[in-house]
Every structure is written in C-alpha cells, then in structure tokens.
Amino acid sequence: MTTTSFFQNQGFKITLKLALIFFLTIFLLIPKFMIMDLVQERQRLSESVTNEVAKGWGNKQTHTGPALVIPYYHYIQGEDKTKPPVRSKTQLIVFPETLSIDGKIETESKYRSLYKVLLYNTGLNIKGNFKLPDASLTNIKNEDLLLDEATLIMGVSDPKGINGEISLTWNGKPASLNPGIADISFLTDQSNEKPVAEFNTNYDHNSPNINTGLQAKIILDVSTQTYDFAYNLELRGSKSLLFAPLAKSTTVHLNSEFPDPVFSGGFLPDHTTNDKGFDAIWNVFEYNKSIPAFIKDNTQISLGDNLFGVDIRVLIDNYAKTYRAGKYMILFVILTFLVVFLTEIVERINIHIFQYTLIGLALAIFFTLLLSISEFWGFDMAYSGSAAATISLIFLYSLGMFRNKKSSILLLGLLMILFSYIYIIIQLEKTALLAGSVGLFVIIASTMYVTRKIRWFEQEVTNNTFTEEKIDIN
C-alpha cells in the first residue's frame, strides 16, 4: 500500500478521529473541574447561611452532666518538716451512679434567601442519683470536705439554645440554677468520629471544649447515702445532639419523626429507623468508657472519645447530589461521543470535530443548569428539567448531523437511558457502587456487541466520503 493510499483509507481517518475525540474529552475536564469548584463554593455559601441561622437558634448541642463539684482542703508538707503542712483548697469532682435521659426530637425548617436550614428542638427529661465516694478511695478525710459549698454542674455547649425554664429537684427539693459551670471545662476529642464522605458537607464531628452550662448550689451531708436528682431541659440546636456518659450506668432514649438520623460518636444505639422516624436507646456502663467515678485536683474533665448521639441533617442535599452528578460528567461525554462516533461509522457520514465540541459543551452546560435550578426547585425537578433541555438540544442538533431520523431517535433514546441511569445512581446510597459497576459492564458489553463485525481497516474512501455500502452489525 502506498503512503497516499494509507492516509486515504478509513482506518487512518478513524484513528485520527478517535485521537481528536480523546483530546477533546480531556479538554472537557476543564469545565468539569470548574463546575465542581462552583458547586463547592455554593455549598460553602449555604453552610455560612446555616451557621448564621444557627447562631440565633442553636448550634450543635452537647449536654454533659450532671457532676458534683465538692471543694476540700488539701495539705502539702514543705521542705521544712518542722513547719506544719500548707493548707490549700482544691476540688473533688464526682460523677453520678446512674443517669437516665429520655427525649423527643422535633425538627423544623427555616428559609433564608434560597437556602433551607434544618433545625431541631428537643425536650429532655433527665434523672439519676449520686453516691459520695468512700474516703478510702479518695484519700480525703470527711472533715476536709466542704460539703456546704458543693455545686451541681451540667454542661451545655451552646446555652443560647436553652428554651424555657429548667426545674431541678435535688433529693426531692427544688433547687435554683444559674449560668456557669464553676470554672470546670469538659474536654472533648471526637477527631476519630468523622464520617468518610466524598463531598465536604461541613458537618464536622469535632465538638469544641465545653466551658458553659448551668450550676446549682447544694448542701451535702456525709450521713446521706444517696442523692437523687431530676430536671427537664429543652434545647434548640442544629446538625447534631451529643451526650457524655458520665455515670457508672448511662441510659439515653431518643425518638423522633425525623427519618434519616446518623448515629455518631463512641457508642452506637439499639434502634429502629423507618420513614416514620427513629427510636434509639444507648446503654453505656462504667467498663465501656474511660471516664472514672471521680476526679481530684483538676478543673478539666476529659471526655475522650466517649461522646455519642445523633446527627440531624439532610443525608444527601442538593449540592452533594449535584457534586456527585458532576463526577459522572466524563461518563456523560464519553458515552455520548461513543454513540455519535458509532453512528458516524455505521451510517458512513463525516461529523466534524467542532460538532463533537458543541455536543460536549452542551453536556457541560447541563451541570450548570442543574446547579442553578436546584437552588430554586430542588434537585429532582432541576435534574428533570435540565436533562430534558439538554437531551432536546442534542437531539435537534443531531437531526442536521445525521442522514436520517432513525439515528437521531436512537441517540435520543440512548441519552434518555443514560440520564435516567445516572439519576438512579445519584439517588442510591448503599448500592451506588454496585449499580454503577453493573451499568458500566452492560455498556462495554453492548459496545463490543455492536462493533463486533466492523472491519476498521478494510473500507476505502473516495473524495473524503465513505462508500455507500452499509456495515453489517447484525
């Protein structure tokens, strides 16, 4: 074969066309990354609006407590043994024997500009009891305990979310509560509890140290064996509700009509979840956690990774879905180009690379339409409308590219299947990978079947057009 005939045969033209399509596909990665950055930018704006609303309502809430803070005298012997020990005041922090929390979470949505913010309000009924530790365990003499200066504290991470009066009873008698937690800090460490996510939803499971809450002055008596307590607490918040298992035996029961809870933290509950809501019970015992029964000479209570609770958030929001859809943009482009290219081969027509470029850009614009419309109408309606507009545009354009309507109708049908397939994958949570893998297998198998009888190097071209002989693909 001469050099001229080689450059005139169909095999070379197909190879050149495939190379151009490949580089065009790589080029279209640029708008893909621009669109995905735009999605993240809009999501960050949405999150800032959420935080702004939460400032006035209540942020993530963590409730710790109660705990008893008992001052006592501590004696330190100096170097001069002839002098009496130096007396200083420090404190003993005692945690409950039992702690029972029962609550119902009610959710509501507020709107700010384009954005929907999910918030919650919970009513907690809390009760339990304390026992003062034996002097043999604390190494503190009873006469050194300042029992009339004791304070009951309970940590609340965002006191602005406290909604309503709190009635506290101590050993059957009412006690008044005041802001503050007696210079005590609850130290949290939830760094290992972040969920693995493909998209930055900004739901940080790290809880800040807690230096705020409520306190009540109480009087203790060494002759009393058990101190019962009970109080109610109504909290407003957003994103999450967490608890600390301070007691030797901690039970937390939560229920809600919210259908998509995410249970997080160091302990998982026994729960039932359905479209009508959830019901969850946590049972944590002293041998399950790293919090001791009491702490001496320290104003910091380390909670470690013992916090647990529930996230109240939209499981997959519009931005997360749009971001996931954007990750499939290259699949949209490749499969659409594949259909157009095979039509070009089978129908023996020439389609210019500029026409491929316009089709690729139409697919890219689909994602900007999806993002912008979803902020007004929600993801489902936005996807349907954007897909219908994009498919119609490509179909009408293909009527001029192809020689017959049959090929355009075939392209229309395949695009409808492709957009429906991607939509289903985006909606799936647990089986998205399986559905995607099976779909890709079907696509490659179908392509192999359709192209099995094409002889890529056997057809000659004349005057830059293919011969009229049809390729048998049946």
Protein backbone atom coordinates (compact mmCIF):
# COMPACT_ATOMS: atom_id res chain seq x y z
CA MET A 1 0.00 0.00 0.00
CA THR A 2 1.38 3.43 -0.96
CA THR A 3 1.71 6.25 1.55
CA THR A 4 -1.10 8.17 -0.15
CA SER A 5 -3.49 5.23 -0.03
CA PHE A 6 -2.63 4.66 3.62
CA PHE A 7 -3.62 8.21 4.54
CA GLN A 8 -6.75 7.89 2.45
CA ASN A 9 -8.05 4.67 3.96
CA GLN A 10 -10.76 4.51 6.55
CA GLY A 11 -8.53 3.06 9.27
CA PHE A 12 -6.32 6.12 9.40
CA LYS A 13 -9.27 8.52 9.41
CA ILE A 14 -10.90 6.55 12.23
CA THR A 15 -7.68 6.60 14.24
CA LEU A 16 -7.29 10.34 13.70
CA LYS A 17 -10.91 10.98 14.66
CA LEU A 18 -10.54 8.88 17.83
CA ALA A 19 -7.40 10.83 18.76
CA LEU A 20 -9.22 14.14 18.31
CA ILE A 21 -12.18 12.89 20.35
CA PHE A 22 -9.79 11.75 23.08
CA PHE A 23 -8.10 15.16 23.33
CA LEU A 24 -11.49 16.86 23.23
CA THR A 25 -12.65 14.70 26.14
CA ILE A 26 -9.53 15.66 28.10
CA PHE A 27 -10.19 19.31 27.28
CA LEU A 28 -13.73 19.00 28.66
CA LEU A 29 -12.25 18.08 32.05
CA ILE A 30 -11.53 21.80 32.45
CA PRO A 31 -15.21 22.84 32.62
CA LYS A 32 -15.87 19.76 34.76
CA PHE A 33 -13.48 20.92 37.49
CA MET A 34 -14.73 24.48 37.17
CA ILE A 35 -18.30 23.28 37.71
CA MET A 36 -17.33 21.13 40.71
CA ASP A 37 -15.50 24.09 42.26
CA LEU A 38 -18.61 26.18 41.69
CA VAL A 39 -20.73 23.55 43.46
CA GLN A 40 -18.41 23.64 46.47
CA GLU A 41 -18.45 27.42 46.51
CA ARG A 42 -22.25 27.49 46.53
CA GLN A 43 -22.29 24.82 49.22
CA ARG A 44 -19.95 26.87 51.40
CA LEU A 45 -22.26 29.83 50.96
CA SER A 46 -25.20 27.63 52.00
CA GLU A 47 -23.26 26.46 55.05
CA SER A 48 -22.46 30.03 56.06
CA VAL A 49 -26.18 30.82 55.89
CA THR A 50 -26.89 27.73 58.02
CA ASN A 51 -24.35 28.87 60.61
CA GLU A 52 -25.85 32.35 60.62
CA VAL A 53 -29.32 30.97 61.32
CA ALA A 54 -27.91 28.57 63.93
CA LYS A 55 -26.32 31.46 65.82
CA GLY A 56 -29.75 32.74 66.70
CA TRP A 57 -31.34 29.33 67.19
CA GLY A 58 -28.68 26.98 68.50
CA ASN A 59 -25.58 25.29 67.13
CA LYS A 60 -24.53 21.69 67.61
CA GLN A 61 -25.54 20.76 71.13
CA THR A 62 -23.56 18.64 73.57
CA HIS A 63 -25.01 18.01 77.02
CA THR A 64 -22.67 16.77 79.74
CA GLY A 65 -23.69 16.17 83.26
CA PRO A 66 -24.58 16.49 85.85
CA ALA A 67 -21.48 16.32 88.04
CA LEU A 68 -20.82 17.24 91.67
CA VAL A 69 -18.00 19.69 92.41
CA ILE A 70 -17.01 19.46 96.09
CA PRO A 71 -14.28 21.76 97.44
CA TYR A 72 -11.93 20.26 100.02
CA TYR A 73 -8.77 21.13 101.91
CA HIS A 74 -5.53 19.71 100.61
CA TYR A 75 -2.35 19.71 102.75
CA ILE A 76 1.16 19.97 101.33
CA GLN A 77 4.21 19.40 103.50
CA GLY A 78 7.05 21.82 102.71
CA GLU A 79 10.77 21.05 102.78
CA ASP A 80 10.97 22.24 106.35
CA LYS A 81 9.45 19.34 108.24
CA THR A 82 9.31 21.36 111.44
CA LYS A 83 6.65 23.61 109.99
CA PRO A 84 3.04 22.48 109.67
CA PRO A 85 1.74 21.49 106.21
CA VAL A 86 0.40 24.24 104.00
CA ARG A 87 -3.35 24.05 103.55
CA SER A 88 -4.88 24.85 100.15
CA LYS A 89 -8.35 24.50 98.71
CA THR A 90 -8.95 22.29 95.70
CA GLN A 91 -11.91 20.26 94.49
CA LEU A 92 -13.26 16.79 94.05
CA ILE A 93 -15.49 16.11 91.04
CA VAL A 94 -17.92 13.23 91.48
CA PHE A 95 -19.97 11.66 88.70
CA PRO A 96 -23.40 10.02 89.07
CA GLU A 97 -24.10 6.40 89.85
CA THR A 98 -26.96 6.33 87.37
CA LEU A 99 -28.07 8.71 84.63
CA SER A 100 -31.23 8.35 82.57
CA ILE A 101 -32.11 10.71 79.71
CA ASP A 102 -35.36 10.50 77.78
CA GLY A 103 -36.01 12.89 74.93
CA LYS A 104 -38.08 13.58 71.85
CA ILE A 105 -36.58 15.49 68.92
CA GLU A 106 -38.77 17.65 66.72
CA THR A 107 -37.35 19.09 63.52
CA GLU A 108 -38.32 22.16 61.58
CA SER A 109 -37.02 24.00 58.54
CA LYS A 110 -36.30 27.68 58.20
CA TYR A 111 -35.53 29.52 54.99
CA ARG A 112 -33.00 32.26 54.42
CA SER A 113 -32.84 33.55 50.85
CA LEU A 114 -32.53 30.45 48.63
CA TYR A 115 -31.44 28.16 51.42
CA LYS A 116 -33.30 25.70 53.60
CA VAL A 117 -31.89 25.21 57.11
CA LEU A 118 -32.81 22.11 59.12
CA LEU A 119 -33.12 22.77 62.87
CA TYR A 120 -34.34 20.79 65.86
CA ASN A 121 -35.95 21.28 69.25
CA THR A 122 -35.70 18.58 71.90
CA GLY A 123 -37.24 18.15 75.31
CA LEU A 124 -35.05 16.11 77.68
CA ASN A 125 -36.19 14.54 80.96
CA ILE A 126 -33.09 13.73 82.99
CA LYS A 127 -32.83 11.88 86.29
CA GLY A 128 -30.36 9.81 88.28
CA ASN A 129 -28.53 9.65 91.58
CA PHE A 130 -25.17 10.27 93.24
CA LYS A 131 -23.25 8.47 95.95
CA LEU A 132 -20.30 10.13 97.63
CA PRO A 133 -17.16 8.01 97.16
CA ASP A 134 -15.68 6.33 100.19
CA ALA A 135 -12.83 8.16 101.92
CA SER A 136 -10.63 5.11 101.44
CA LEU A 137 -10.88 5.61 97.67
CA THR A 138 -10.43 9.39 97.56
CA ASN A 139 -7.89 9.64 100.41
CA ILE A 140 -9.80 12.68 101.62
CA LYS A 141 -10.94 12.92 105.21
CA ASN A 142 -14.60 13.68 105.72
CA GLU A 143 -13.78 16.72 107.85
CA ASP A 144 -11.77 18.21 104.97
CA LEU A 145 -14.74 18.10 102.60
CA LEU A 146 -16.55 21.43 102.32
CA LEU A 147 -19.95 19.85 101.79
CA ASP A 148 -21.86 23.09 102.29
CA GLU A 149 -20.01 24.62 99.30
CA ALA A 150 -20.82 21.86 96.82
CA THR A 151 -22.04 22.70 93.33
CA LEU A 152 -24.01 20.64 90.85
CA ILE A 153 -22.94 21.41 87.28
CA MET A 154 -24.23 20.39 83.86
CA GLY A 155 -22.50 21.34 80.62
CA VAL A 156 -24.38 22.78 77.64
CA SER A 157 -22.22 23.60 74.64
CA ASP A 158 -24.49 26.39 73.34
CA PRO A 159 -26.60 27.90 76.14
CA LYS A 160 -28.39 30.13 73.62
CA GLY A 161 -30.32 27.03 72.63
CA ILE A 162 -31.85 26.57 76.09
CA ASN A 163 -35.55 27.10 75.55
CA GLY A 164 -37.71 27.55 78.63
CA GLU A 165 -37.40 27.31 82.37
CA ILE A 166 -35.50 24.40 83.93
CA SER A 167 -36.92 22.81 87.06
CA LEU A 168 -34.30 20.97 89.12
CA THR A 169 -35.10 18.83 92.14
CA TRP A 170 -32.35 17.61 94.48
CA ASN A 171 -33.36 14.85 96.86
CA GLY A 172 -36.98 15.81 96.31
CA LYS A 173 -36.45 19.52 96.97
CA PRO A 174 -36.36 22.27 94.32
CA ALA A 175 -33.02 23.92 93.60
CA SER A 176 -32.31 27.05 91.59
CA LEU A 177 -29.99 27.04 88.60
CA ASN A 178 -27.60 29.76 87.46
CA PRO A 179 -25.37 30.16 84.39
CA GLY A 180 -21.85 28.76 84.50
CA ILE A 181 -20.15 25.50 85.49
CA ALA A 182 -17.87 26.57 88.37
CA ASP A 183 -14.71 27.10 86.29
CA ILE A 184 -14.84 23.50 85.09
CA SER A 185 -14.06 22.57 81.49
CA PHE A 186 -15.21 19.47 79.65
CA LEU A 187 -12.51 18.46 77.16
CA THR A 188 -13.73 16.67 74.06
CA ASP A 189 -11.85 14.65 71.47
CA GLN A 190 -14.00 13.37 68.65
CA SER A 191 -11.32 13.53 65.95
CA ASN A 192 -11.80 9.87 65.08
CA GLU A 193 -15.52 10.14 64.55
CA LYS A 194 -15.63 11.99 61.23
CA PRO A 195 -17.57 10.07 58.61
CA VAL A 196 -15.85 9.27 55.35
CA ALA A 197 -17.55 11.48 52.77
CA GLU A 198 -16.95 12.12 49.11
CA PHE A 199 -18.18 15.67 49.42
CA ASN A 200 -17.38 18.30 52.01
CA THR A 201 -20.69 18.69 53.76
CA ASN A 202 -19.05 20.69 56.53
CA TYR A 203 -20.58 18.52 59.22
CA ASP A 204 -17.55 18.44 61.48
CA HIS A 205 -17.97 15.86 64.19
CA ASN A 206 -15.31 17.50 66.35
CA SER A 207 -17.02 19.04 69.38
CA PRO A 208 -15.42 22.09 70.97
CA ASN A 209 -14.44 22.04 74.60
CA ILE A 210 -17.40 22.90 76.81
CA ASN A 211 -16.98 25.75 79.27
CA THR A 212 -20.61 26.79 79.52
CA GLY A 213 -23.70 25.38 81.15
CA LEU A 214 -25.70 25.57 84.36
CA GLN A 215 -24.91 25.21 88.06
CA ALA A 216 -26.78 24.94 91.34
CA LYS A 217 -25.50 25.41 94.87
CA ILE A 218 -26.43 22.43 97.04
CA ILE A 219 -25.66 21.16 100.52
CA LEU A 220 -24.39 17.65 101.12
CA ASP A 221 -24.29 15.51 104.22
CA VAL A 222 -21.92 12.60 104.75
CA SER A 223 -24.71 10.77 106.56
CA THR A 224 -26.82 10.69 103.40
CA GLN A 225 -26.09 7.65 101.28
CA THR A 226 -27.83 8.55 98.02
CA TYR A 227 -28.77 11.85 96.41
CA ASP A 228 -31.47 11.77 93.76
CA PHE A 229 -31.80 14.45 91.12
CA ALA A 230 -34.19 15.21 88.29
CA TYR A 231 -34.54 18.06 85.83
CA ASN A 232 -36.00 18.89 82.47
CA LEU A 233 -34.08 20.61 79.69
CA GLU A 234 -35.42 21.95 76.42
CA LEU A 235 -32.70 22.53 73.84
CA ARG A 236 -32.77 24.04 70.40
CA GLY A 237 -29.93 23.21 68.06
CA SER A 238 -28.76 22.16 64.62
CA LYS A 239 -26.72 19.43 62.96
CA SER A 240 -26.14 17.17 66.00
CA LEU A 241 -27.14 16.33 69.56
CA LEU A 242 -24.48 14.63 71.70
CA PHE A 243 -24.25 13.33 75.26
CA ALA A 244 -21.47 12.32 77.66
CA PRO A 245 -21.80 9.06 79.64
CA LEU A 246 -20.59 10.44 82.96
CA ALA A 247 -22.44 7.96 85.17
CA LYS A 248 -21.47 4.40 86.01
CA SER A 249 -24.65 3.43 84.19
CA THR A 250 -25.95 5.81 81.49
CA THR A 251 -29.14 5.27 79.50
CA VAL A 252 -30.27 7.64 76.75
CA HIS A 253 -33.54 7.16 74.90
CA LEU A 254 -34.34 9.39 71.92
CA ASN A 255 -37.18 9.26 69.43
CA SER A 256 -38.20 11.49 66.57
CA GLU A 257 -40.22 11.62 63.39
CA PHE A 258 -37.04 12.55 61.50
CA PRO A 259 -36.47 9.66 59.05
CA ASP A 260 -32.74 9.99 58.28
CA PRO A 261 -30.71 10.01 61.51
CA VAL A 262 -26.98 9.34 61.54
CA PHE A 263 -25.83 7.85 64.84
CA SER A 264 -22.33 9.01 65.68
CA GLY A 265 -19.75 9.03 68.43
CA GLY A 266 -18.13 6.41 70.59
CA PHE A 267 -21.22 4.26 71.12
CA LEU A 268 -23.98 3.10 68.79
CA PRO A 269 -27.56 2.54 69.97
CA ASP A 270 -30.12 -0.19 69.60
CA HIS A 271 -32.53 1.46 67.23
CA THR A 272 -35.35 1.15 64.75
CA THR A 273 -35.46 3.52 61.79
CA ASN A 274 -38.06 3.86 59.05
CA ASP A 275 -39.83 6.52 57.02
CA LYS A 276 -41.90 7.44 60.10
CA GLY A 277 -38.85 8.30 62.21
CA PHE A 278 -36.48 6.58 64.61
CA ASP A 279 -36.33 5.25 68.15
CA ALA A 280 -32.88 4.74 69.70
CA ILE A 281 -31.57 3.59 73.09
CA TRP A 282 -27.96 3.84 74.28
CA ASN A 283 -26.77 1.88 77.32
CA VAL A 284 -23.24 2.72 78.48
CA PHE A 285 -21.64 1.21 81.58
CA GLU A 286 -18.54 2.07 83.57
CA TYR A 287 -16.48 -0.67 81.92
CA ASN A 288 -17.40 0.63 78.44
CA LYS A 289 -15.83 4.07 78.87
CA SER A 290 -12.68 5.82 80.01
CA ILE A 291 -14.31 8.27 82.43
CA PRO A 292 -13.55 7.48 86.12
CA ALA A 293 -16.01 7.66 89.00
CA PHE A 294 -14.37 10.84 90.37
CA ILE A 295 -11.55 13.28 89.63
CA LYS A 296 -9.31 15.04 92.16
CA ASP A 297 -7.33 18.28 91.96
CA ASN A 298 -8.34 19.09 88.40
CA THR A 299 -10.66 21.59 86.77
CA GLN A 300 -10.67 19.77 83.45
CA ILE A 301 -12.82 16.73 82.74
CA SER A 302 -11.52 14.74 79.79
CA LEU A 303 -14.36 13.09 77.90
CA GLY A 304 -12.01 11.49 75.37
CA ASP A 305 -13.92 9.87 72.53
CA ASN A 306 -16.86 8.92 74.75
CA LEU A 307 -19.39 11.38 73.35
CA PHE A 308 -22.28 9.83 71.46
CA GLY A 309 -25.53 10.93 69.90
CA VAL A 310 -27.32 11.61 66.65
CA ASP A 311 -26.83 13.87 63.65
CA ILE A 312 -29.94 15.70 62.46
CA ARG A 313 -29.16 16.70 58.90
CA VAL A 314 -30.20 16.12 55.33
CA LEU A 315 -28.44 12.91 54.35
CA ILE A 316 -27.78 13.93 50.75
CA ASP A 317 -28.58 17.57 49.98
CA ASN A 318 -28.89 19.27 46.60
CA TYR A 319 -25.26 20.30 46.50
CA ALA A 320 -23.99 16.85 47.39
CA LYS A 321 -26.17 15.32 44.68
CA THR A 322 -25.04 17.89 42.11
CA TYR A 323 -21.43 17.26 43.10
CA ARG A 324 -21.92 13.54 42.64
CA ALA A 325 -23.56 14.15 39.27
CA GLY A 326 -20.58 16.29 38.25
CA LYS A 327 -18.25 13.39 38.92
CA TYR A 328 -20.12 11.48 36.21
CA MET A 329 -19.70 14.25 33.63
CA ILE A 330 -16.84 12.46 31.91
CA LEU A 331 -19.08 9.38 31.62
CA PHE A 332 -21.80 11.51 30.01
CA VAL A 333 -19.29 12.86 27.50
CA ILE A 334 -17.64 9.53 26.65
CA LEU A 335 -20.88 7.62 26.16
CA THR A 336 -22.48 10.40 24.10
CA PHE A 337 -19.38 10.69 21.93
CA LEU A 338 -19.36 6.90 21.60
CA VAL A 339 -22.93 6.86 20.28
CA VAL A 340 -22.23 9.69 17.83
CA PHE A 341 -18.98 8.09 16.69
CA LEU A 342 -20.54 4.66 16.10
CA THR A 343 -23.38 6.31 14.19
CA GLU A 344 -20.76 8.07 12.09
CA ILE A 345 -19.07 4.74 11.31
CA VAL A 346 -22.20 2.69 10.69
CA GLU A 347 -24.01 5.34 8.64
CA ARG A 348 -20.79 6.30 6.80
CA ILE A 349 -21.08 10.02 7.38
CA ASN A 350 -18.50 12.61 8.35
CA ILE A 351 -19.06 14.54 11.59
CA HIS A 352 -16.65 17.40 12.20
CA ILE A 353 -14.76 17.60 15.48
CA PHE A 354 -16.34 21.04 16.01
CA GLN A 355 -19.73 19.33 16.15
CA TYR A 356 -18.40 16.97 18.81
CA THR A 357 -17.18 20.04 20.71
CA LEU A 358 -20.62 21.64 20.68
CA ILE A 359 -22.20 18.42 21.97
CA GLY A 360 -19.61 18.23 24.76
CA LEU A 361 -20.23 21.83 25.77
CA ALA A 362 -23.98 21.19 25.81
CA LEU A 363 -23.37 18.37 28.28
CA ALA A 364 -21.18 20.65 30.41
CA ILE A 365 -23.86 23.34 30.50
CA PHE A 366 -26.30 20.69 31.77
CA PHE A 367 -24.47 20.68 35.10
CA THR A 368 -24.56 24.46 35.48
CA LEU A 369 -28.28 24.35 34.74
CA LEU A 370 -28.66 21.58 37.31
CA LEU A 371 -26.83 23.56 40.00
CA SER A 372 -28.63 26.85 39.43
CA ILE A 373 -32.14 25.42 39.07
CA SER A 374 -31.77 23.06 42.07
CA GLU A 375 -31.34 26.07 44.36
CA PHE A 376 -34.89 27.09 43.49
CA TRP A 377 -36.79 23.90 42.69
CA GLY A 378 -34.82 21.15 44.39
CA PHE A 379 -32.60 18.53 42.83
CA ASP A 380 -35.24 16.22 41.36
CA MET A 381 -37.11 18.87 39.40
CA ALA A 382 -33.85 20.54 38.40
CA TYR A 383 -32.42 17.29 37.09
CA SER A 384 -35.57 16.51 35.10
CA GLY A 385 -35.76 19.99 33.58
CA SER A 386 -32.05 20.27 32.80
CA ALA A 387 -31.92 16.78 31.34
CA ALA A 388 -34.97 17.42 29.14
CA ALA A 389 -33.46 20.67 27.84
CA THR A 390 -30.05 19.12 27.15
CA ILE A 391 -31.41 15.97 25.51
CA SER A 392 -33.75 18.03 23.32
CA LEU A 393 -30.90 20.33 22.27
CA ILE A 394 -28.62 17.45 21.28
CA PHE A 395 -31.46 15.60 19.54
CA LEU A 396 -32.45 18.62 17.43
CA TYR A 397 -28.81 19.24 16.59
CA SER A 398 -28.33 15.60 15.57
CA LEU A 399 -31.16 15.88 13.03
CA GLY A 400 -28.83 18.05 10.98
CA MET A 401 -25.75 15.90 11.61
CA PHE A 402 -27.17 12.50 10.71
CA ARG A 403 -28.63 11.45 7.39
CA ASN A 404 -31.82 10.01 8.78
CA LYS A 405 -34.13 10.48 11.73
CA LYS A 406 -33.63 6.88 12.78
CA SER A 407 -30.11 7.63 14.03
CA SER A 408 -31.29 10.78 15.82
CA ILE A 409 -34.11 8.87 17.50
CA LEU A 410 -31.62 6.18 18.54
CA LEU A 411 -29.36 8.87 20.04
CA LEU A 412 -32.40 10.37 21.79
CA GLY A 413 -33.30 7.03 23.36
CA LEU A 414 -29.75 6.31 24.50
CA LEU A 415 -29.41 9.77 26.06
CA MET A 416 -32.66 9.27 27.95
CA ILE A 417 -31.40 5.93 29.25
CA LEU A 418 -28.03 7.46 30.21
CA PHE A 419 -29.53 10.41 32.10
CA SER A 420 -32.01 8.11 33.87
CA TYR A 421 -29.23 5.69 34.80
CA ILE A 422 -27.06 8.43 36.32
CA TYR A 423 -30.07 9.82 38.20
CA ILE A 424 -30.74 6.43 39.77
CA ILE A 425 -27.10 6.07 40.83
CA ILE A 426 -27.15 9.51 42.46
CA GLN A 427 -30.26 8.62 44.48
CA LEU A 428 -28.79 5.37 45.75
CA GLU A 429 -26.80 5.40 48.97
CA LYS A 430 -25.72 1.86 49.81
CA THR A 431 -25.77 0.21 46.37
CA ALA A 432 -24.47 3.06 44.18
CA LEU A 433 -21.15 1.31 43.52
CA LEU A 434 -22.86 -1.95 42.60
CA ALA A 435 -25.32 -0.23 40.26
CA GLY A 436 -22.54 1.79 38.66
CA SER A 437 -20.32 -1.24 38.11
CA VAL A 438 -23.13 -3.31 36.59
CA GLY A 439 -24.15 -0.41 34.36
CA LEU A 440 -20.61 0.09 33.06
CA PHE A 441 -20.32 -3.63 32.36
CA VAL A 442 -23.55 -3.55 30.35
CA ILE A 443 -22.32 -0.50 28.43
CA ILE A 444 -18.98 -2.03 27.45
CA ALA A 445 -20.66 -5.34 26.58
CA SER A 446 -23.18 -3.55 24.35
CA THR A 447 -20.40 -1.62 22.63
CA MET A 448 -18.46 -4.81 21.97
CA TYR A 449 -21.58 -6.45 20.52
CA VAL A 450 -22.43 -3.53 18.23
CA THR A 451 -18.87 -3.18 16.90
CA ARG A 452 -18.03 -6.88 16.63
CA LYS A 453 -18.39 -7.03 12.80
CA ILE A 454 -16.93 -3.66 11.90
CA ARG A 455 -13.76 -4.07 9.79
CA TRP A 456 -11.90 -0.94 10.74
CA PHE A 457 -9.19 -1.07 8.03
CA GLU A 458 -10.96 -2.66 5.06
CA GLN A 459 -13.09 0.19 3.73
CA GLU A 460 -11.75 2.67 1.22
CA VAL A 461 -12.76 6.28 0.94
CA THR A 462 -13.25 8.30 -2.13
CA ASN A 463 -13.23 12.09 -2.27
CA ASN A 464 -13.27 12.31 1.53
CA THR A 465 -16.60 10.49 1.85
CA PHE A 466 -17.35 6.91 2.76
CA THR A 467 -18.80 4.49 0.22
CA GLU A 468 -22.49 3.83 0.39
CA GLU A 469 -22.12 0.17 1.36
CA LYS A 470 -23.57 -0.36 4.83
CA ILE A 471 -21.64 -2.15 7.54
CA ASP A 472 -23.48 -5.18 8.81
CA ILE A 473 -23.65 -5.09 12.60
CA ASN A 474 -26.26 -7.79 12.97
